[in-house]
């Protein structure tokens, strides 16, 4: 079997991308009024002009209480005209564009949103200093339907794809994990029950949009916390999702925004910068005092998810997107040789939006990203590479 050329066009469900490289979702922090801004449009225009096959707009919450903070986009008719301007700008640069849709669940900032955060079970969120509410069956039904509605609005907004967020202990992911799901009803207990909301949501989105756009999902390989969702369960969930037929691809991820955020972001842990970014004095003080216990350090290495992702690759035939430490042509070629259909990049494209064009011109090109992770706290203001700001 011939190894695909990562820089050649490729089919993703009903769409064709100019190459196999996807700008992964990274919350942009550029929508202060929960509406599209020219700043957000320019962010994605630059990445599109820089050569990616598809860029992903993050994060498009499906309900107002599902935002991680008040200024975040949430899908409603008012946002469609701005989304259309954004997608038109990306298309003009030759790239496709995806909307990441989801519900933050226990990761939502209840204080900022002025609405209760929802989770499988009652718990305390130290970031918002609020207790989450256990979702009722009515909440689950409403949020599942909201994903379908959000996907239809994405079509109105000109998107080529949607990516359903099943990772990082957001709403759906928190149901998958025994660590956060203590329910005793049909959405708790066995893996089949804990995966019910993931499967129902994927089916609802597919039924709502058919094959008019591509449907991806971002799925955790593991949460990175003892007692959390782990790779053996991820294999089974991936197999169920494949059998259900609702998805065109899975993007594999890991970590918990709620319990272990740095498990996904290998490299330096910017504790000081996170503390400065907190707007609540008590939270700021807490991050300074015990931040190193929560914002842990994991050494960076290229393709750091590959070993775990191989286990998913061996278990399913559906297209997979490899994320994590993809920064150069050699890494991309390795992913293709290992059987992954697409690769996703995030931090490296914050540092250099034109990196793909430069790689296409010279395969020896190396990313300038040093994995200091100081870009992470900038999501609270305006996501960016702070090294570029200083240049």
Protein backbone atom coordinates (compact mmCIF):
# COMPACT_ATOMS: atom_id res chain seq x y z
CA UNK A 1 0.00 0.00 0.00
CA UNK A 2 1.38 3.41 -1.00
CA UNK A 3 1.95 5.92 1.79
CA UNK A 4 -0.16 9.04 1.14
CA UNK A 5 1.54 12.35 0.38
CA UNK A 6 0.57 14.63 3.27
CA UNK A 7 0.76 17.66 0.97
CA UNK A 8 -1.54 16.22 -1.73
CA UNK A 9 -5.35 16.66 -1.84
CA UNK A 10 -7.40 14.22 0.23
CA UNK A 11 -11.07 13.37 0.75
CA UNK A 12 -12.67 13.85 4.16
CA UNK A 13 -16.22 12.56 4.00
CA UNK A 14 -18.03 14.61 1.34
CA UNK A 15 -15.31 17.27 1.01
CA UNK A 16 -11.84 17.43 -0.51
CA UNK A 17 -8.99 19.18 1.31
CA UNK A 18 -6.00 20.57 -0.58
CA UNK A 19 -3.72 18.65 1.80
CA UNK A 20 -3.93 16.42 4.88
CA UNK A 21 -2.94 19.07 7.44
CA UNK A 22 -5.59 20.47 9.80
CA UNK A 23 -5.24 23.48 12.09
CA UNK A 24 -6.49 21.98 15.35
CA UNK A 25 -8.97 23.87 17.50
CA UNK A 26 -7.33 26.29 19.94
CA UNK A 27 -9.63 28.74 21.69
CA UNK A 28 -8.84 32.08 20.10
CA UNK A 29 -10.11 34.46 22.81
CA UNK A 30 -11.07 36.95 20.10
CA UNK A 31 -14.86 37.18 20.55
CA UNK A 32 -15.42 39.51 23.56
CA UNK A 33 -19.15 39.84 22.83
CA UNK A 34 -19.71 36.21 21.82
CA UNK A 35 -19.84 37.30 18.16
CA UNK A 36 -17.40 36.97 15.29
CA UNK A 37 -14.86 39.81 15.11
CA UNK A 38 -12.51 40.95 12.36
CA UNK A 39 -9.71 39.83 14.67
CA UNK A 40 -11.07 36.27 14.66
CA UNK A 41 -11.52 36.35 10.89
CA UNK A 42 -7.95 37.57 10.40
CA UNK A 43 -6.63 34.83 12.72
CA UNK A 44 -8.09 32.09 10.52
CA UNK A 45 -7.36 33.93 7.28
CA UNK A 46 -3.66 33.95 8.16
CA UNK A 47 -3.61 30.21 8.89
CA UNK A 48 -5.52 29.50 5.68
CA UNK A 49 -3.15 31.67 3.64
CA UNK A 50 -0.30 29.84 5.36
CA UNK A 51 -1.19 26.60 3.63
CA UNK A 52 -3.28 24.29 5.85
CA UNK A 53 -5.90 22.09 4.27
CA UNK A 54 -8.48 23.04 6.88
CA UNK A 55 -8.62 25.37 9.88
CA UNK A 56 -10.86 24.79 12.91
CA UNK A 57 -12.80 27.57 14.67
CA UNK A 58 -12.86 27.03 18.41
CA UNK A 59 -14.86 27.01 20.42
CA UNK A 60 -18.49 27.19 19.20
CA UNK A 61 -20.60 26.30 22.23
CA UNK A 62 -23.99 24.75 21.53
CA UNK A 63 -25.69 26.49 24.47
CA UNK A 64 -24.99 29.61 26.56
CA UNK A 65 -24.17 27.63 29.72
CA UNK A 66 -21.75 25.50 27.70
CA UNK A 67 -19.17 28.27 27.29
CA UNK A 68 -15.86 28.22 29.15
CA UNK A 69 -16.28 31.98 29.57
CA UNK A 70 -18.91 34.60 28.78
CA UNK A 71 -17.29 36.05 25.66
CA UNK A 72 -17.09 32.72 23.86
CA UNK A 73 -19.07 32.11 20.69
CA UNK A 74 -22.26 30.15 21.11
CA UNK A 75 -24.30 28.95 18.16
CA UNK A 76 -27.45 30.99 17.51
CA UNK A 77 -28.89 32.80 14.48
CA UNK A 78 -27.22 36.09 15.48
CA UNK A 79 -23.78 34.60 14.90
CA UNK A 80 -24.41 33.28 11.38
CA UNK A 81 -23.61 36.47 9.39
CA UNK A 82 -20.25 36.80 11.10
CA UNK A 83 -19.48 33.12 10.56
CA UNK A 84 -20.27 33.57 6.87
CA UNK A 85 -17.73 36.40 6.64
CA UNK A 86 -15.16 34.17 8.33
CA UNK A 87 -15.75 31.14 6.13
CA UNK A 88 -15.74 33.28 2.98
CA UNK A 89 -12.35 34.70 4.02
CA UNK A 90 -10.90 31.22 4.62
CA UNK A 91 -12.29 29.86 1.35
CA UNK A 92 -10.78 32.80 -0.53
CA UNK A 93 -7.36 31.57 0.65
CA UNK A 94 -8.02 28.05 -0.67
CA UNK A 95 -8.60 26.24 2.64
CA UNK A 96 -11.62 24.49 4.12
CA UNK A 97 -12.97 25.45 7.54
CA UNK A 98 -14.49 23.47 10.40
CA UNK A 99 -16.52 24.58 13.42
CA UNK A 100 -15.72 22.85 16.69
CA UNK A 101 -19.09 22.40 18.42
CA UNK A 102 -19.59 21.21 21.96
CA UNK A 103 -20.65 21.90 25.51
CA UNK A 104 -18.04 22.64 28.18
CA UNK A 105 -20.03 20.91 30.92
CA UNK A 106 -18.04 20.96 34.18
CA UNK A 107 -15.30 23.04 32.51
CA UNK A 108 -17.77 25.89 31.90
CA UNK A 109 -17.23 29.06 33.93
CA UNK A 110 -20.50 29.39 35.84
CA UNK A 111 -19.49 32.69 37.41
CA UNK A 112 -18.63 34.30 34.08
CA UNK A 113 -21.63 32.83 32.25
CA UNK A 114 -24.10 33.62 35.02
CA UNK A 115 -25.51 30.12 34.50
CA UNK A 116 -24.93 26.82 36.33
CA UNK A 117 -22.28 24.53 34.88
CA UNK A 118 -23.57 21.04 34.08
CA UNK A 119 -21.84 17.73 34.69
CA UNK A 120 -22.79 14.06 35.00
CA UNK A 121 -22.60 14.44 38.78
CA UNK A 122 -22.32 17.27 41.27
CA UNK A 123 -18.74 18.46 41.74
CA UNK A 124 -16.68 21.56 42.57
CA UNK A 125 -14.85 23.55 39.88
CA UNK A 126 -11.86 25.35 41.46
CA UNK A 127 -11.45 27.63 38.43
CA UNK A 128 -14.91 29.20 38.73
CA UNK A 129 -15.22 28.55 42.50
CA UNK A 130 -18.69 27.13 41.80
CA UNK A 131 -20.41 23.78 42.23
CA UNK A 132 -21.54 22.08 39.04
CA UNK A 133 -25.09 20.84 38.73
CA UNK A 134 -25.83 17.22 37.89
CA UNK A 135 -27.44 17.19 34.44
CA UNK A 136 -31.01 15.95 34.32
CA UNK A 137 -32.32 13.70 31.57
CA UNK A 138 -34.00 16.82 30.19
CA UNK A 139 -30.64 18.62 30.13
CA UNK A 140 -29.05 15.71 28.27
CA UNK A 141 -31.85 15.65 25.69
CA UNK A 142 -31.66 19.42 25.21
CA UNK A 143 -27.86 19.48 24.82
CA UNK A 144 -27.88 16.56 22.38
CA UNK A 145 -30.46 18.38 20.25
CA UNK A 146 -28.43 21.59 20.54
CA UNK A 147 -25.47 19.88 18.86
CA UNK A 148 -27.68 19.01 15.91
CA UNK A 149 -28.99 22.58 15.73
CA UNK A 150 -25.44 23.95 15.93
CA UNK A 151 -24.38 21.75 13.02
CA UNK A 152 -27.24 23.09 10.91
CA UNK A 153 -26.24 26.66 11.78
CA UNK A 154 -22.67 25.79 10.78
CA UNK A 155 -23.96 24.91 7.32
CA UNK A 156 -25.76 28.28 7.17
CA UNK A 157 -22.49 29.90 8.19
CA UNK A 158 -20.64 28.32 5.25
CA UNK A 159 -18.60 25.69 7.10
CA UNK A 160 -17.28 22.62 5.33
CA UNK A 161 -17.15 20.50 8.48
CA UNK A 162 -18.00 20.33 12.15
CA UNK A 163 -15.89 18.77 14.88
CA UNK A 164 -17.86 17.48 17.87
CA UNK A 165 -15.94 17.91 21.13
CA UNK A 166 -15.77 14.57 22.97
CA UNK A 167 -12.52 15.34 24.81
CA UNK A 168 -10.85 17.04 27.76
CA UNK A 169 -13.64 16.28 30.28
CA UNK A 170 -16.01 18.70 28.60
CA UNK A 171 -19.66 17.64 28.86
CA UNK A 172 -19.60 14.47 26.72
CA UNK A 173 -16.10 13.49 27.84
CA UNK A 174 -17.02 13.91 31.50
CA UNK A 175 -19.72 11.26 31.01
CA UNK A 176 -17.12 8.85 29.59
CA UNK A 177 -14.92 9.08 32.69
CA UNK A 178 -15.60 7.13 35.88
CA UNK A 179 -13.69 9.89 37.66
CA UNK A 180 -16.39 12.47 36.89
CA UNK A 181 -19.43 10.29 36.19
CA UNK A 182 -20.98 8.78 39.32
CA UNK A 183 -24.47 8.36 37.90
CA UNK A 184 -26.56 5.23 38.49
CA UNK A 185 -29.03 5.75 35.63
CA UNK A 186 -28.74 4.79 31.95
CA UNK A 187 -25.92 7.35 31.50
CA UNK A 188 -23.66 5.98 34.25
CA UNK A 189 -21.95 2.81 35.43
CA UNK A 190 -20.96 0.57 32.53
CA UNK A 191 -18.91 1.89 29.64
CA UNK A 192 -21.89 1.27 27.36
CA UNK A 193 -23.97 3.63 29.52
CA UNK A 194 -21.21 6.20 29.92
CA UNK A 195 -20.69 6.26 26.15
CA UNK A 196 -24.40 6.64 25.44
CA UNK A 197 -24.33 10.45 25.20
CA UNK A 198 -21.34 10.40 22.84
CA UNK A 199 -23.05 7.99 20.48
CA UNK A 200 -26.42 9.75 20.68
CA UNK A 201 -24.80 13.11 19.94
CA UNK A 202 -22.89 11.83 16.90
CA UNK A 203 -26.05 10.22 15.54
CA UNK A 204 -28.10 13.38 16.14
CA UNK A 205 -25.61 15.51 14.24
CA UNK A 206 -25.48 13.07 11.32
CA UNK A 207 -29.27 12.88 11.14
CA UNK A 208 -29.45 16.69 11.14
CA UNK A 209 -26.94 17.36 8.35
CA UNK A 210 -26.66 14.15 6.36
CA UNK A 211 -23.66 14.30 4.04
CA UNK A 212 -23.82 18.04 3.41
CA UNK A 213 -20.67 18.59 5.50
CA UNK A 214 -17.94 16.43 7.00
CA UNK A 215 -18.37 15.37 10.62
CA UNK A 216 -15.34 14.79 12.84
CA UNK A 217 -15.13 14.22 16.57
CA UNK A 218 -12.31 14.96 18.98
CA UNK A 219 -12.03 11.94 21.30
CA UNK A 220 -9.79 11.45 24.32
CA UNK A 221 -7.38 8.53 24.24
CA UNK A 222 -7.03 9.00 27.98
CA UNK A 223 -7.70 11.68 30.59
CA UNK A 224 -4.28 11.55 32.25
CA UNK A 225 -5.75 11.13 35.75
CA UNK A 226 -6.00 8.01 37.95
CA UNK A 227 -9.44 6.46 37.63
CA UNK A 228 -10.24 8.43 34.48
CA UNK A 229 -11.04 7.39 30.92
CA UNK A 230 -8.23 5.24 29.56
CA UNK A 231 -7.05 3.83 26.24
CA UNK A 232 -8.74 0.41 26.61
CA UNK A 233 -12.09 2.16 26.95
CA UNK A 234 -11.23 4.62 24.18
CA UNK A 235 -10.66 1.69 21.82
CA UNK A 236 -14.16 0.36 22.50
CA UNK A 237 -15.79 3.79 22.16
CA UNK A 238 -13.99 4.38 18.86
CA UNK A 239 -15.24 1.02 17.61
CA UNK A 240 -18.82 1.87 18.60
CA UNK A 241 -18.61 5.26 16.90
CA UNK A 242 -17.27 3.62 13.76
CA UNK A 243 -20.04 1.02 13.75
CA UNK A 244 -22.69 3.72 14.26
CA UNK A 245 -21.54 5.40 11.04
CA UNK A 246 -22.09 8.98 12.19
CA UNK A 247 -18.53 10.25 11.78
CA UNK A 248 -16.16 10.81 8.88
CA UNK A 249 -13.03 10.93 11.10
CA UNK A 250 -11.79 10.95 14.68
CA UNK A 251 -9.16 13.39 15.93
CA UNK A 252 -7.38 11.79 18.87
CA UNK A 253 -6.51 13.85 21.91
CA UNK A 254 -5.83 13.44 25.64
CA UNK A 255 -5.91 15.24 28.97
CA UNK A 256 -8.48 16.93 31.16
CA UNK A 257 -9.04 20.69 31.15
CA UNK A 258 -10.65 20.12 34.54
CA UNK A 259 -8.08 17.87 36.24
CA UNK A 260 -4.82 17.73 34.25
CA UNK A 261 -4.58 20.27 31.40
CA UNK A 262 -0.85 19.95 30.75
CA UNK A 263 -1.17 16.27 29.87
CA UNK A 264 -2.08 17.46 26.37
CA UNK A 265 0.40 20.35 26.23
CA UNK A 266 3.80 18.73 26.65
CA UNK A 267 6.65 21.07 27.46
CA UNK A 268 7.03 23.86 30.01
CA UNK A 269 4.28 24.56 32.56
CA UNK A 270 3.59 28.34 32.60
CA UNK A 271 2.30 28.55 36.19
CA UNK A 272 3.30 32.18 36.70
CA UNK A 273 1.61 33.27 33.49
CA UNK A 274 -1.56 31.36 34.36
CA UNK A 275 -1.73 33.05 37.76
CA UNK A 276 -1.42 36.50 36.16
CA UNK A 277 -4.23 35.65 33.74
CA UNK A 278 -6.76 34.82 36.47
CA UNK A 279 -9.25 37.66 37.07
CA UNK A 280 -10.46 36.39 40.47
CA UNK A 281 -8.03 37.23 43.32
CA UNK A 282 -8.69 33.98 45.21
CA UNK A 283 -8.15 31.88 42.09
CA UNK A 284 -5.00 33.86 41.26
CA UNK A 285 -3.63 33.25 44.75
CA UNK A 286 -4.54 29.56 44.57
CA UNK A 287 -2.71 29.14 41.26
CA UNK A 288 0.37 30.80 42.72
CA UNK A 289 0.30 28.58 45.81
CA UNK A 290 -0.58 25.15 44.43
CA UNK A 291 -0.49 25.69 40.66
CA UNK A 292 2.44 23.30 40.15
CA UNK A 293 0.30 20.45 41.52
CA UNK A 294 -2.42 21.16 38.95
CA UNK A 295 -0.39 22.55 36.03
CA UNK A 296 2.13 19.73 35.85
CA UNK A 297 5.15 19.43 33.60
CA UNK A 298 5.39 16.68 31.00
CA UNK A 299 8.48 16.49 28.78
CA UNK A 300 7.91 17.36 25.14
CA UNK A 301 8.86 14.97 22.38
CA UNK A 302 7.83 14.86 18.73
CA UNK A 303 4.65 12.86 17.98
CA UNK A 304 4.03 12.38 21.69
CA UNK A 305 0.55 10.85 21.16
CA UNK A 306 1.67 8.36 18.53
CA UNK A 307 2.28 5.37 20.80
CA UNK A 308 -1.21 5.55 22.33
CA UNK A 309 -2.86 6.50 19.05
CA UNK A 310 -1.44 3.38 17.40
CA UNK A 311 -3.74 1.31 19.58
CA UNK A 312 -6.79 3.12 18.22
CA UNK A 313 -5.41 2.84 14.68
CA UNK A 314 -5.11 -0.93 15.06
CA UNK A 315 -8.70 -1.24 16.27
CA UNK A 316 -10.66 0.79 13.68
CA UNK A 317 -10.62 1.33 9.93
CA UNK A 318 -12.17 4.82 9.92
CA UNK A 319 -9.99 7.87 9.14
CA UNK A 320 -7.98 9.17 12.09
CA UNK A 321 -6.29 12.51 12.69
CA UNK A 322 -3.01 12.41 14.63
CA UNK A 323 -2.43 15.34 16.97
CA UNK A 324 0.47 16.07 19.30
CA UNK A 325 4.00 17.12 18.44
CA UNK A 326 3.46 17.35 14.68
CA UNK A 327 5.82 20.16 13.69
CA UNK A 328 7.75 19.12 10.57
CA UNK A 329 7.54 17.13 7.35
CA UNK A 330 9.35 14.15 8.85
CA UNK A 331 6.72 13.84 11.58
CA UNK A 332 3.92 14.18 9.06
CA UNK A 333 5.43 11.47 6.88
CA UNK A 334 5.74 9.19 9.90
CA UNK A 335 2.04 9.70 10.68
CA UNK A 336 1.12 8.81 7.09
CA UNK A 337 3.34 5.70 7.18
CA UNK A 338 1.68 4.64 10.45
CA UNK A 339 -1.72 4.66 8.78
CA UNK A 340 -3.17 8.00 9.91
CA UNK A 341 -5.07 9.85 7.22
CA UNK A 342 -4.57 13.40 8.56
CA UNK A 343 -2.40 15.33 11.00
CA UNK A 344 -3.37 18.26 13.20
CA UNK A 345 -1.22 21.16 14.41
CA UNK A 346 -1.87 23.92 16.93
CA UNK A 347 0.95 25.64 18.83
CA UNK A 348 3.37 25.55 15.90
CA UNK A 349 0.83 27.46 13.78
CA UNK A 350 0.35 30.06 16.50
CA UNK A 351 4.09 30.67 16.24
CA UNK A 352 4.17 30.59 12.42
CA UNK A 353 0.83 30.69 10.55
CA UNK A 354 2.73 30.22 7.26
CA UNK A 355 4.61 27.11 8.40
CA UNK A 356 2.91 24.75 5.92
CA UNK A 357 3.81 26.90 2.93
CA UNK A 358 7.40 27.00 4.15
CA UNK A 359 7.47 23.21 4.59
CA UNK A 360 6.04 22.75 1.10
CA UNK A 361 8.83 24.95 -0.26
CA UNK A 362 11.56 23.21 1.75
CA UNK A 363 10.96 19.88 3.49
CA UNK A 364 13.87 20.54 5.85
CA UNK A 365 11.98 23.47 7.47
CA UNK A 366 11.84 23.27 11.25
CA UNK A 367 9.20 24.87 13.42
CA UNK A 368 10.30 27.80 15.61
CA UNK A 369 7.90 26.74 18.41
CA UNK A 370 9.89 25.99 21.59
CA UNK A 371 6.92 24.49 23.50
CA UNK A 372 7.18 27.04 26.31
CA UNK A 373 3.36 26.96 26.44
CA UNK A 374 3.14 30.63 27.33
CA UNK A 375 0.53 30.85 24.59
CA UNK A 376 -1.87 28.87 26.78
CA UNK A 377 -2.78 31.60 29.29
CA UNK A 378 -3.32 34.08 26.44
CA UNK A 379 -6.65 32.39 25.65
CA UNK A 380 -8.14 34.48 28.46
CA UNK A 381 -7.35 37.65 26.52
CA UNK A 382 -6.32 36.98 22.91
CA UNK A 383 -4.61 33.73 21.90
CA UNK A 384 -1.17 34.31 20.42
CA UNK A 385 2.49 33.33 20.58
CA UNK A 386 4.09 35.68 23.10
CA UNK A 387 7.48 35.26 21.43
CA UNK A 388 6.09 36.77 18.24
CA UNK A 389 4.68 39.67 20.26
CA UNK A 390 8.16 40.39 21.62
CA UNK A 391 9.86 40.17 18.24
